[in-house]
Protein backbone atom coordinates (compact mmCIF):
# COMPACT_ATOMS: atom_id res chain seq x y z
CA UNK A 1 2.47 -21.83 -18.61
CA UNK A 2 -0.79 -20.03 -19.31
CA UNK A 3 0.25 -16.66 -17.86
CA UNK A 4 -0.86 -14.55 -20.79
CA UNK A 5 -4.22 -14.19 -22.52
CA UNK A 6 -2.91 -11.60 -24.95
CA UNK A 7 0.74 -10.67 -25.43
CA UNK A 8 2.02 -7.86 -27.64
CA UNK A 9 4.86 -8.45 -30.08
CA UNK A 10 8.39 -8.02 -28.77
CA UNK A 11 9.15 -5.47 -31.51
CA UNK A 12 6.15 -3.34 -30.53
CA UNK A 13 7.10 -3.42 -26.86
CA UNK A 14 10.78 -2.72 -27.57
CA UNK A 15 9.92 0.32 -29.69
CA UNK A 16 7.72 1.78 -26.95
CA UNK A 17 10.36 1.12 -24.30
CA UNK A 18 12.96 2.98 -26.36
CA UNK A 19 10.68 6.01 -26.63
CA UNK A 20 9.37 5.96 -23.06
CA UNK A 21 9.76 8.91 -20.69
CA UNK A 22 8.66 9.56 -17.14
CA UNK A 23 9.25 8.20 -13.63
CA UNK A 24 8.46 4.62 -14.74
CA UNK A 25 10.13 4.94 -18.14
CA UNK A 26 10.66 1.61 -19.86
CA UNK A 27 9.19 -0.59 -17.14
CA UNK A 28 7.29 -3.54 -18.58
CA UNK A 29 3.68 -3.65 -17.37
CA UNK A 30 1.41 -6.70 -17.23
CA UNK A 31 -2.32 -6.01 -16.89
CA UNK A 32 -4.87 -8.39 -15.42
CA UNK A 33 -7.48 -9.13 -18.06
CA UNK A 34 -10.39 -7.66 -16.17
CA UNK A 35 -8.76 -4.22 -16.57
CA UNK A 36 -9.13 -2.37 -19.88
CA UNK A 37 -6.24 -1.72 -22.26
CA UNK A 38 -7.29 0.30 -25.31
CA UNK A 39 -7.76 -1.76 -28.49
CA UNK A 40 -7.03 -5.05 -26.68
CA UNK A 41 -9.96 -7.34 -25.82
CA UNK A 42 -10.98 -7.52 -22.18
CA UNK A 43 -12.18 -11.04 -21.39
CA UNK A 44 -12.32 -11.20 -17.57
CA UNK A 45 -11.27 -14.81 -18.14
CA UNK A 46 -14.32 -15.62 -20.27
CA UNK A 47 -13.98 -15.56 -24.10
CA UNK A 48 -17.72 -15.12 -24.67
CA UNK A 49 -17.74 -12.03 -22.43
CA UNK A 50 -14.97 -10.28 -24.40
CA UNK A 51 -15.27 -6.69 -25.57
CA UNK A 52 -12.66 -4.33 -27.03
CA UNK A 53 -12.40 -1.03 -25.15
CA UNK A 54 -11.61 2.25 -26.86
CA UNK A 55 -9.80 3.68 -23.83
CA UNK A 56 -7.39 2.45 -21.20
CA UNK A 57 -8.68 1.92 -17.69
CA UNK A 58 -7.75 4.89 -15.49
CA UNK A 59 -5.07 2.80 -13.75
CA UNK A 60 -3.47 1.69 -17.02
CA UNK A 61 -3.54 5.23 -18.38
CA UNK A 62 -1.77 6.52 -15.27
CA UNK A 63 1.07 4.02 -15.50
CA UNK A 64 1.44 4.50 -19.24
CA UNK A 65 1.59 8.26 -18.81
CA UNK A 66 4.49 7.71 -16.39
CA UNK A 67 6.40 5.71 -19.00
CA UNK A 68 5.39 2.11 -18.29
CA UNK A 69 4.87 -0.06 -21.38
CA UNK A 70 2.10 -2.65 -21.56
CA UNK A 71 3.43 -6.12 -22.40
CA UNK A 72 0.07 -7.83 -22.45
CA UNK A 73 -3.04 -9.01 -20.63
CA UNK A 74 -2.77 -11.76 -18.02
CA UNK A 75 -4.81 -14.79 -17.08
CA UNK A 76 -7.04 -14.80 -13.99
CA UNK A 77 -9.68 -16.70 -12.12
CA UNK A 78 -12.75 -16.04 -14.22
CA UNK A 79 -14.56 -12.82 -13.31
CA UNK A 80 -11.97 -12.38 -10.53
CA UNK A 81 -13.83 -15.04 -8.54
CA UNK A 82 -11.23 -17.18 -6.79
CA UNK A 83 -7.95 -17.18 -4.90
CA UNK A 84 -6.42 -20.19 -6.63
CA UNK A 85 -5.61 -19.33 -10.26
CA UNK A 86 -7.25 -22.49 -11.62
CA UNK A 87 -10.68 -21.19 -12.68
CA UNK A 88 -9.97 -20.08 -16.24
CA UNK A 89 -10.85 -21.50 -19.67
CA UNK A 90 -7.45 -20.20 -20.79
CA UNK A 91 -5.83 -22.80 -18.55
CA UNK A 92 -4.60 -23.23 -15.01
CA UNK A 93 -1.79 -20.87 -13.99
CA UNK A 94 0.82 -23.00 -12.25
CA UNK A 95 2.94 -21.37 -9.60
CA UNK A 96 5.90 -19.84 -11.43
CA UNK A 97 8.37 -21.10 -8.82
CA UNK A 98 6.74 -24.38 -7.82
CA UNK A 99 5.01 -26.26 -10.67
CA UNK A 100 2.07 -28.36 -9.61
CA UNK A 101 1.12 -25.90 -6.87
CA UNK A 102 -1.36 -23.06 -7.18
CA UNK A 103 -0.29 -19.61 -8.29
CA UNK A 104 -2.86 -17.90 -6.12
CA UNK A 105 -5.59 -15.78 -7.59
CA UNK A 106 -7.50 -14.22 -8.89
CA UNK A 107 -4.58 -12.11 -10.18
CA UNK A 108 -2.67 -15.29 -11.02
CA UNK A 109 -1.11 -14.30 -14.34
CA UNK A 110 -0.08 -10.84 -13.14
CA UNK A 111 1.88 -12.21 -10.18
CA UNK A 112 3.40 -15.02 -12.25
CA UNK A 113 4.53 -12.56 -14.95
CA UNK A 114 6.48 -10.57 -12.37
CA UNK A 115 7.90 -13.69 -10.69
CA UNK A 116 9.06 -15.03 -14.06
CA UNK A 117 10.72 -11.73 -14.97
CA UNK A 118 8.37 -11.24 -17.93
CA UNK A 119 7.11 -7.96 -16.46
CA UNK A 120 8.62 -5.47 -14.03
CA UNK A 121 5.31 -4.39 -12.53
CA UNK A 122 1.78 -5.69 -12.88
CA UNK A 123 -1.75 -4.52 -12.26
CA UNK A 124 -4.02 -6.82 -10.30
CA UNK A 125 -7.31 -6.38 -8.54
CA UNK A 126 -8.27 -7.32 -5.01
CA UNK A 127 -11.65 -7.94 -3.44
CA UNK A 128 -10.96 -10.88 -1.14
CA UNK A 129 -7.17 -11.10 -1.39
CA UNK A 130 -6.45 -11.34 -5.11
CA UNK A 131 -3.68 -8.75 -4.90
CA UNK A 132 -2.05 -10.40 -1.87
CA UNK A 133 -2.44 -14.19 -2.10
CA UNK A 134 -0.56 -14.60 -5.43
CA UNK A 135 2.11 -12.17 -4.21
CA UNK A 136 2.76 -14.35 -1.16
CA UNK A 137 2.89 -17.59 -3.13
CA UNK A 138 5.37 -16.08 -5.62
CA UNK A 139 7.66 -14.34 -3.13
CA UNK A 140 6.93 -10.84 -4.46
CA UNK A 141 5.32 -7.66 -3.13
CA UNK A 142 1.63 -6.82 -3.50
CA UNK A 143 0.22 -3.44 -2.44
CA UNK A 144 -3.53 -3.18 -1.85
CA UNK A 145 -4.34 0.46 -1.16
CA UNK A 146 -7.21 1.85 0.86
CA UNK A 147 -10.46 0.97 -0.89
CA UNK A 148 -11.26 3.49 -3.62
CA UNK A 149 -8.15 5.71 -3.59
CA UNK A 150 -7.25 4.34 -7.03
CA UNK A 151 -10.03 4.68 -9.58
CA UNK A 152 -11.65 1.44 -10.74
CA UNK A 153 -12.93 3.05 -13.94
CA UNK A 154 -12.36 0.55 -16.73
CA UNK A 155 -12.27 -2.45 -14.38
CA UNK A 156 -14.82 -5.26 -14.73
CA UNK A 157 -16.45 -5.24 -11.28
CA UNK A 158 -16.47 -8.21 -8.93
CA UNK A 159 -17.96 -6.52 -5.84
CA UNK A 160 -18.08 -2.80 -6.55
CA UNK A 161 -18.09 -1.79 -2.89
CA UNK A 162 -14.84 -3.61 -2.14
CA UNK A 163 -12.86 -3.86 -5.39
CA UNK A 164 -9.35 -2.37 -5.44
CA UNK A 165 -6.70 -1.94 -8.12
CA UNK A 166 -3.40 -3.36 -6.86
CA UNK A 167 0.27 -3.47 -7.86
CA UNK A 168 2.78 -6.32 -7.97
CA UNK A 169 6.55 -5.88 -8.13
CA UNK A 170 9.61 -7.87 -7.19
CA UNK A 171 10.59 -5.43 -4.43
CA UNK A 172 8.97 -2.97 -2.09
CA UNK A 173 10.62 0.18 -3.46
CA UNK A 174 9.40 -0.41 -7.02
CA UNK A 175 5.94 -1.43 -5.86
CA UNK A 176 5.70 1.78 -3.83
CA UNK A 177 6.77 3.95 -6.76
CA UNK A 178 4.25 2.33 -9.06
CA UNK A 179 1.42 2.64 -6.55
CA UNK A 180 2.23 6.32 -5.98
CA UNK A 181 1.95 6.93 -9.72
CA UNK A 182 -1.31 4.98 -9.84
CA UNK A 183 -2.93 6.87 -6.99
CA UNK A 184 -1.83 10.26 -8.33
CA UNK A 185 -2.75 9.56 -11.94
CA UNK A 186 -6.01 7.67 -11.34
CA UNK A 187 -7.47 9.39 -8.27
CA UNK A 188 -10.65 8.04 -6.77
CA UNK A 189 -11.80 8.42 -3.19
CA UNK A 190 -10.30 11.64 -1.78
CA UNK A 191 -7.76 11.49 1.03
CA UNK A 192 -8.73 13.15 4.33
CA UNK A 193 -6.78 16.18 5.57
CA UNK A 194 -5.80 14.33 8.76
CA UNK A 195 -3.69 11.38 7.63
CA UNK A 196 -0.70 9.75 9.28
CA UNK A 197 2.13 9.82 6.77
CA UNK A 198 4.57 7.51 8.55
CA UNK A 199 4.84 4.76 11.12
CA UNK A 200 6.72 5.50 14.33
CA UNK A 201 10.27 4.12 14.53
CA UNK A 202 9.10 1.55 17.10
CA UNK A 203 5.63 0.63 15.90
CA UNK A 204 3.09 -1.33 17.90
CA UNK A 205 2.28 -4.41 15.82
CA UNK A 206 -0.85 -6.40 16.61
CA UNK A 207 -0.93 -10.15 15.90
CA UNK A 208 -3.74 -12.65 16.35
CA UNK A 209 -3.69 -14.58 19.62
CA UNK A 210 -4.65 -17.68 17.62
CA UNK A 211 -3.84 -18.62 14.01
CA UNK A 212 -6.44 -21.14 12.85
CA UNK A 213 -5.78 -23.26 9.74
CA UNK A 214 -2.10 -22.29 9.67
CA UNK A 215 0.20 -25.16 8.79
CA UNK A 216 2.70 -26.02 11.53
CA UNK A 217 5.81 -25.03 9.58
CA UNK A 218 4.12 -21.83 8.44
CA UNK A 219 3.35 -20.98 12.07
CA UNK A 220 7.06 -21.32 12.81
CA UNK A 221 7.86 -18.99 9.89
CA UNK A 222 5.34 -16.45 11.14
CA UNK A 223 6.74 -16.60 14.68
CA UNK A 224 10.19 -16.03 13.20
CA UNK A 225 8.95 -12.90 11.40
CA UNK A 226 7.36 -11.56 14.59
CA UNK A 227 10.58 -12.18 16.52
CA UNK A 228 12.60 -10.32 13.89
CA UNK A 229 10.23 -7.36 14.14
CA UNK A 230 10.60 -7.34 17.91
CA UNK A 231 14.40 -7.37 17.51
CA UNK A 232 14.09 -4.32 15.24
CA UNK A 233 12.26 -2.35 17.89
CA UNK A 234 8.61 -3.15 17.28
CA UNK A 235 6.29 -3.82 20.21
CA UNK A 236 3.98 -6.80 19.80
CA UNK A 237 0.39 -6.95 21.08
CA UNK A 238 -2.04 -9.84 20.75
CA UNK A 239 -5.65 -9.36 19.63
CA UNK A 240 -8.62 -11.71 19.35
CA UNK A 241 -9.05 -12.91 15.74
CA UNK A 242 -12.76 -13.73 16.20
CA UNK A 243 -14.36 -10.59 14.67
CA UNK A 244 -11.90 -10.57 11.77
CA UNK A 245 -12.45 -14.21 10.87
CA UNK A 246 -16.21 -13.97 11.31
CA UNK A 247 -16.32 -11.07 8.86
CA UNK A 248 -14.16 -13.01 6.41
CA UNK A 249 -16.85 -15.68 6.20
CA UNK A 250 -19.51 -13.08 5.35
CA UNK A 251 -17.89 -12.25 2.00
CA UNK A 252 -18.90 -15.53 0.39
CA UNK A 253 -20.95 -17.28 3.06
CA UNK A 254 -23.46 -14.45 3.46
CA UNK A 255 -25.52 -12.08 1.37
CA UNK A 256 -22.60 -9.82 0.38
CA UNK A 257 -21.95 -12.14 -2.54
CA UNK A 258 -25.05 -10.60 -4.11
CA UNK A 259 -22.72 -7.88 -5.41
CA UNK A 260 -21.03 -10.48 -7.62
CA UNK A 261 -24.37 -11.44 -9.13
CA UNK A 262 -25.17 -7.76 -9.70
CA UNK A 263 -21.90 -7.39 -11.62
CA UNK A 264 -22.04 -10.34 -14.05
CA UNK A 265 -24.98 -12.52 -13.00
CA UNK A 266 -27.20 -11.82 -16.00
CA UNK A 267 -24.37 -12.71 -18.38
CA UNK A 268 -23.75 -15.96 -16.49
CA UNK A 269 -27.42 -16.89 -16.59
CA UNK A 270 -27.45 -16.38 -20.35
CA UNK A 271 -24.11 -18.11 -21.07
CA UNK A 272 -23.95 -21.01 -18.65
CA UNK A 273 -21.77 -23.14 -20.95
CA UNK A 274 -19.14 -20.39 -21.19
CA UNK A 275 -18.62 -20.12 -17.44
CA UNK A 276 -16.33 -22.09 -15.15
CA UNK A 277 -18.58 -24.42 -13.15
CA UNK A 278 -17.27 -23.29 -9.75
CA UNK A 279 -17.50 -19.60 -10.65
CA UNK A 280 -21.00 -20.09 -12.04
CA UNK A 281 -22.17 -21.92 -8.94
CA UNK A 282 -20.86 -19.20 -6.61
CA UNK A 283 -22.41 -16.33 -8.53
CA UNK A 284 -25.72 -18.00 -9.42
CA UNK A 285 -26.24 -18.91 -5.76
CA UNK A 286 -26.40 -15.18 -4.99
CA UNK A 287 -29.27 -14.52 -7.40
CA UNK A 288 -32.11 -15.27 -5.01
CA UNK A 289 -30.71 -13.90 -1.76
CA UNK A 290 -33.47 -11.75 -0.20
CA UNK A 291 -32.77 -8.05 0.28
CA UNK A 292 -33.48 -8.24 4.00
CA UNK A 293 -30.63 -10.76 4.37
CA UNK A 294 -28.21 -8.31 2.76
CA UNK A 295 -29.34 -5.58 5.16
CA UNK A 296 -28.89 -7.96 8.09
CA UNK A 297 -25.40 -8.99 6.95
CA UNK A 298 -24.30 -5.39 6.39
CA UNK A 299 -25.38 -4.56 9.94
CA UNK A 300 -23.47 -7.59 11.23
CA UNK A 301 -20.43 -6.53 9.23
CA UNK A 302 -20.52 -3.08 10.81
CA UNK A 303 -20.78 -4.64 14.27
CA UNK A 304 -17.79 -6.87 13.62
CA UNK A 305 -15.80 -3.99 12.15
CA UNK A 306 -16.38 -1.91 15.28
CA UNK A 307 -15.20 -4.79 17.46
CA UNK A 308 -12.14 -5.41 15.31
CA UNK A 309 -11.03 -1.79 15.15
CA UNK A 310 -11.59 -1.39 18.90
CA UNK A 311 -9.25 -4.34 19.48
CA UNK A 312 -6.59 -2.54 17.42
CA UNK A 313 -6.73 0.58 19.59
CA UNK A 314 -3.16 1.52 20.43
CA UNK A 315 -1.68 -0.60 17.64
CA UNK A 316 -0.22 0.91 14.49
CA UNK A 317 -0.77 -2.14 12.26
CA UNK A 318 -2.02 -5.70 12.23
CA UNK A 319 0.34 -8.41 10.99
CA UNK A 320 -1.00 -11.72 9.64
CA UNK A 321 0.24 -14.60 7.53
CA UNK A 322 -0.97 -13.88 4.02
CA UNK A 323 -2.09 -17.47 3.42
CA UNK A 324 -2.21 -20.49 5.76
CA UNK A 325 -0.42 -22.89 3.39
CA UNK A 326 0.35 -23.70 -0.25
CA UNK A 327 -2.07 -26.21 -1.80
CA UNK A 328 -1.43 -28.24 -4.92
CA UNK A 329 -3.49 -27.88 -8.06
CA UNK A 330 -4.73 -31.42 -7.48
CA UNK A 331 -5.97 -30.49 -4.01
CA UNK A 332 -7.97 -27.62 -5.51
CA UNK A 333 -9.46 -29.91 -8.13
CA UNK A 334 -10.59 -32.29 -5.39
CA UNK A 335 -12.13 -29.57 -3.21
CA UNK A 336 -12.41 -26.31 -5.19
CA UNK A 337 -14.56 -24.42 -2.69
CA UNK A 338 -12.94 -25.63 0.54
CA UNK A 339 -9.32 -25.05 -0.50
CA UNK A 340 -10.14 -21.64 -1.95
CA UNK A 341 -11.94 -20.66 1.26
CA UNK A 342 -8.97 -21.67 3.38
CA UNK A 343 -6.63 -19.50 1.28
CA UNK A 344 -8.79 -16.49 2.13
CA UNK A 345 -8.70 -17.01 5.90
CA UNK A 346 -6.43 -14.02 6.53
CA UNK A 347 -7.37 -11.87 3.53
CA UNK A 348 -11.17 -11.83 3.13
CA UNK A 349 -11.89 -9.38 5.97
CA UNK A 350 -9.49 -6.67 4.78
CA UNK A 351 -11.61 -4.76 2.28
CA UNK A 352 -14.78 -5.39 4.26
CA UNK A 353 -13.18 -3.50 7.16
CA UNK A 354 -11.80 -0.75 4.87
CA UNK A 355 -8.18 -1.58 5.65
CA UNK A 356 -5.13 -1.07 3.47
CA UNK A 357 -2.47 -3.77 3.14
CA UNK A 358 1.03 -4.56 1.95
CA UNK A 359 1.97 -8.20 1.31
CA UNK A 360 5.71 -8.88 1.54
CA UNK A 361 7.91 -11.98 1.32
CA UNK A 362 9.15 -13.35 4.65
CA UNK A 363 11.34 -16.28 3.72
CA UNK A 364 10.52 -19.84 2.73
CA UNK A 365 8.92 -22.95 4.17
CA UNK A 366 10.64 -25.84 2.44
CA UNK A 367 10.20 -25.11 -1.26
CA UNK A 368 7.25 -22.78 -0.67
CA UNK A 369 7.47 -19.00 -0.44
CA UNK A 370 6.16 -17.63 2.82
CA UNK A 371 4.68 -14.16 3.06
CA UNK A 372 3.04 -11.89 5.58
CA UNK A 373 0.64 -8.99 5.23
CA UNK A 374 0.79 -5.70 7.09
CA UNK A 375 -2.68 -4.17 7.45
CA UNK A 376 -3.51 -0.65 8.61
CA UNK A 377 -6.55 1.56 8.97
CA UNK A 378 -8.06 3.35 5.99
CA UNK A 379 -5.71 5.98 4.54
CA UNK A 380 -2.81 4.87 6.75
CA UNK A 381 -1.15 3.27 3.72
CA UNK A 382 2.18 4.88 4.63
CA UNK A 383 2.08 3.28 8.06
CA UNK A 384 1.57 -0.18 6.54
CA UNK A 385 4.31 0.47 3.99
CA UNK A 386 6.82 1.50 6.67
CA UNK A 387 6.24 -1.61 8.76
CA UNK A 388 6.49 -3.73 5.62
CA UNK A 389 9.85 -2.06 5.00
CA UNK A 390 10.92 -2.98 8.53
CA UNK A 391 10.05 -6.61 7.79
CA UNK A 392 11.91 -6.45 4.49
CA UNK A 393 15.01 -5.13 6.24
CA UNK A 394 14.61 -1.67 4.72
CA UNK A 395 13.66 0.37 7.80
CA UNK A 396 14.89 3.69 6.41
CA UNK A 397 11.97 3.98 3.99
CA UNK A 398 11.04 7.50 5.03
CA UNK A 399 11.75 8.97 1.60
CA UNK A 400 9.31 6.61 -0.12
CA UNK A 401 6.92 8.18 -2.60
CA UNK A 402 3.95 6.10 -1.40
CA UNK A 403 1.72 7.67 -0.38
CA UNK A 404 2.69 11.11 1.08
CA UNK A 405 2.88 13.01 -2.20
CA UNK A 406 -0.58 11.70 -3.09
CA UNK A 407 -2.29 12.54 0.20
CA UNK A 408 -2.86 16.17 1.31
CA UNK A 409 0.55 17.27 2.57
CA UNK A 410 2.13 20.29 4.22
CA UNK A 411 5.87 20.78 4.48
CA UNK A 412 7.72 21.86 7.59
CA UNK A 413 11.41 22.82 7.64
CA UNK A 414 13.07 22.29 11.02
CA UNK A 415 16.51 23.39 12.20
CA UNK A 416 17.13 22.24 15.77
CA UNK A 417 15.30 20.32 18.48
CA UNK A 418 12.93 18.72 15.93
CA UNK A 419 15.71 17.28 13.77
CA UNK A 420 15.89 13.49 13.61
CA UNK A 421 17.37 12.15 16.82
CA UNK A 422 16.90 15.43 18.69
CA UNK A 423 14.78 15.87 21.85
CA UNK A 424 11.57 17.12 20.22
CA UNK A 425 11.50 14.84 17.19
CA UNK A 426 8.84 12.82 19.02
CA UNK A 427 6.35 15.68 18.61
CA UNK A 428 6.46 15.21 14.84
CA UNK A 429 6.44 11.42 15.05
CA UNK A 430 3.33 11.52 17.25
CA UNK A 431 1.61 13.60 14.57
CA UNK A 432 2.38 10.99 11.91
CA UNK A 433 4.92 13.23 10.16
CA UNK A 434 7.33 11.79 7.61
CA UNK A 435 10.98 12.72 7.33
CA UNK A 436 11.74 13.79 3.76
CA UNK A 437 15.44 14.53 3.75
CA UNK A 438 18.00 17.27 4.45
CA UNK A 439 17.71 20.81 3.10
CA UNK A 440 19.62 24.08 3.33
CA UNK A 441 18.40 27.64 3.35
CA UNK A 442 19.63 30.31 0.98
CA UNK A 443 22.69 32.21 2.34
CA UNK A 444 20.46 34.94 3.81
CA UNK A 445 20.07 33.75 7.39
CA UNK A 446 21.50 34.02 10.87
CA UNK A 447 21.50 31.03 13.24
CA UNK A 448 21.17 31.65 16.95
CA UNK A 449 20.77 29.49 20.07
CA UNK A 450 17.91 30.36 22.41
CA UNK A 451 18.29 29.92 26.16
CA UNK A 452 15.44 27.39 26.48
CA UNK A 453 15.00 23.84 27.76
CA UNK A 454 15.78 22.02 25.58
CA UNK A 455 17.89 24.53 23.62
CA UNK A 456 16.22 25.67 20.39
CA UNK A 457 17.56 27.49 17.34
CA UNK A 458 16.58 30.98 16.26
CA UNK A 459 16.70 31.21 12.47
CA UNK A 460 16.23 34.79 11.28
CA UNK A 461 16.59 36.37 7.86
CA UNK A 462 19.27 39.06 7.58
CA UNK A 463 18.55 42.47 6.08
CA UNK A 464 19.61 43.41 2.57
CA UNK A 465 23.30 44.19 2.53
CA UNK A 466 24.05 42.08 5.63
CA UNK A 467 26.10 38.91 5.46
CA UNK A 468 24.19 35.73 6.13
CA UNK A 469 24.82 31.99 5.98
CA UNK A 470 23.10 28.93 4.58
CA UNK A 471 21.61 26.96 7.48
CA UNK A 472 21.24 23.17 7.43
CA UNK A 473 17.78 21.82 8.19
CA UNK A 474 15.43 18.93 7.46
CA UNK A 475 12.18 18.64 5.56
CA UNK A 476 9.20 16.89 7.16
CA UNK A 477 5.78 16.18 5.67
CA UNK A 478 2.58 16.40 7.72
CA UNK A 479 -1.10 16.34 7.02
CA UNK A 480 -2.73 19.80 7.05
CA UNK A 481 -4.59 18.95 10.26
CA UNK A 482 -1.40 17.75 11.96
CA UNK A 483 0.44 20.93 11.03
CA UNK A 484 -2.44 22.95 12.46
CA UNK A 485 -2.24 21.07 15.76
CA UNK A 486 1.51 21.51 15.82
CA UNK A 487 1.25 25.26 15.27
CA UNK A 488 -1.45 25.64 17.93
CA UNK A 489 0.85 24.06 20.52
CA UNK A 490 3.99 25.97 19.49
CA UNK A 491 5.40 27.91 22.47
CA UNK A 492 6.72 31.47 22.23
CA UNK A 493 9.08 32.74 20.96
CA UNK A 494 8.99 30.06 18.28
CA UNK A 495 6.90 30.69 15.20
CA UNK A 496 6.37 29.35 11.71
CA UNK A 497 6.93 31.44 8.62
CA UNK A 498 8.24 31.38 5.06
CA UNK A 499 11.86 30.25 4.71
CA UNK A 500 13.86 30.56 1.48
CA UNK A 501 15.78 27.41 0.52
CA UNK A 502 19.00 27.28 -1.50
CA UNK A 503 17.07 26.41 -4.68
CA UNK A 504 15.12 29.68 -4.39
CA UNK A 505 11.85 28.07 -3.28
CA UNK A 506 9.99 29.19 -0.16
CA UNK A 507 8.75 26.73 2.42
CA UNK A 508 7.07 26.81 5.83
CA UNK A 509 9.72 26.61 8.51
CA UNK A 510 10.77 27.55 12.01
CA UNK A 511 11.90 31.00 13.01
CA UNK A 512 12.00 32.96 16.26
CA UNK A 513 10.26 36.21 17.06
CA UNK A 514 11.21 39.57 18.51
CA UNK A 515 13.65 40.28 21.31
CA UNK A 516 14.31 36.60 22.00
CA UNK A 517 15.74 36.13 18.54
CA UNK A 518 17.86 39.28 18.83
CA UNK A 519 19.33 38.14 22.15
CA UNK A 520 20.07 34.57 20.97
CA UNK A 521 23.70 33.46 20.98
CA UNK A 522 25.02 33.73 17.41
CA UNK A 523 26.21 30.33 16.16
CA UNK A 524 25.95 31.11 12.43
CA UNK A 525 29.57 30.14 11.84
CA UNK A 526 28.65 26.47 12.29
CA UNK A 527 26.05 26.51 9.52
CA UNK A 528 23.69 24.18 11.33
CA UNK A 529 22.46 22.94 14.69
CA UNK A 530 24.19 19.54 14.59
CA UNK A 531 27.57 21.12 13.82
CA UNK A 532 27.10 23.58 16.67
CA UNK A 533 26.20 20.75 19.04
CA UNK A 534 29.26 18.77 17.97
CA UNK A 535 31.46 21.79 18.63
CA UNK A 536 29.96 22.33 22.08
CA UNK A 537 28.61 25.74 21.06
CA UNK A 538 25.08 24.92 22.29
């Protein structure tokens, strides 16, 4: 197979793995060859274009700093122009699991390296689906974050306005960890202060009312995935696919392709013999598009985006098949443009609409891997990740590192009615809060029960010299804006203040004020609200 364009020696890699430290220590990293690795040529799938960078791309540097070790540079559709994995002078990348069928592109080698077990994680890029299509066809996970949240410094551009750095991994947990490291270590577009950090336990999942171009057996597989989601508590809502699919056609069928010419067009004009014929034809065709047509198409794109997002009102995510079928390499050779276009049916609109996405495996269709993509609004990457976890059978993903620790976050320690499963938990869920595990206070507190509906705890700090207890609680993460809204609606006598945890750190948490706290029934002996409830003390 032609997975690799450049591969480092096993001894070199082994030595770096042995010395690695950090949250990704020793993980083998494959890098798509339109992303810079210091001292290794970057070809973008074109030998005549090659240059040797002095520095790593920001994304590579972030993963290396966390302990990942670069194995090599991977093959791709030339200049990241294609969804098939066949447009490279370094050779066609066969599907790693199904020889004779396409690998998907343009991040073909990166996905194949992970599927073959030759890398643990891989960097891809995604403009039209390049970080999702090859994931689906290899039965692995591909995370495409919100446009711009991971820096594209050191990445050969395809369409600068829509390019994303993506991650491939064999499972969702590892992909999430790697993406969290990427976004933290290679920050780009800043996160807003009002971001949902989790999906609700019973999310509303939108699906298209029609699925054009989807093979019959693949439609059955998709219906099976939707049914499984419904069985796990999701609510399903149908939406019109028309604005999404119309926008998808604008990426290559309209003036937006002018961005590809802006990126590498002059090189292609000067080196026609070095360029894949299909890639050259696509990019050269954009050279003479009039500026007024680009303005018109951008206005049309904004109109379609407004329609599409309006149709998703009330839904948490949109679920689609990632690809409509699995073509053979021979089919691509016979119709390189048509087959490629069909593969992008359910991916091309994503970046144009500023959506984030997680592509996950969802079984098989015969010998082919079937995958679906969960899409969410910009910066709601955690929401997409949670629903992807529900599909993957890992619904308790609330402690995932992607992306809460990257986005602006405030902590809130709760002790009673806002604990998971308790009557007021819904207030936090509605604010997009994320459960982050159990905690305990230092042994300096008294726990009381207030006479309210529903009953609420009164956690107060004891004076020096008094005997206190350690109180069980839970840690939640909210956006700063969500915490502000929560505090504004907090009824007396409840208040938020600094709470000392058992590790000596201080966090924002619940307490009660004044006479109400003093008159609360003392239930300190139980050490926590759940224990007091179980004992009938509340």
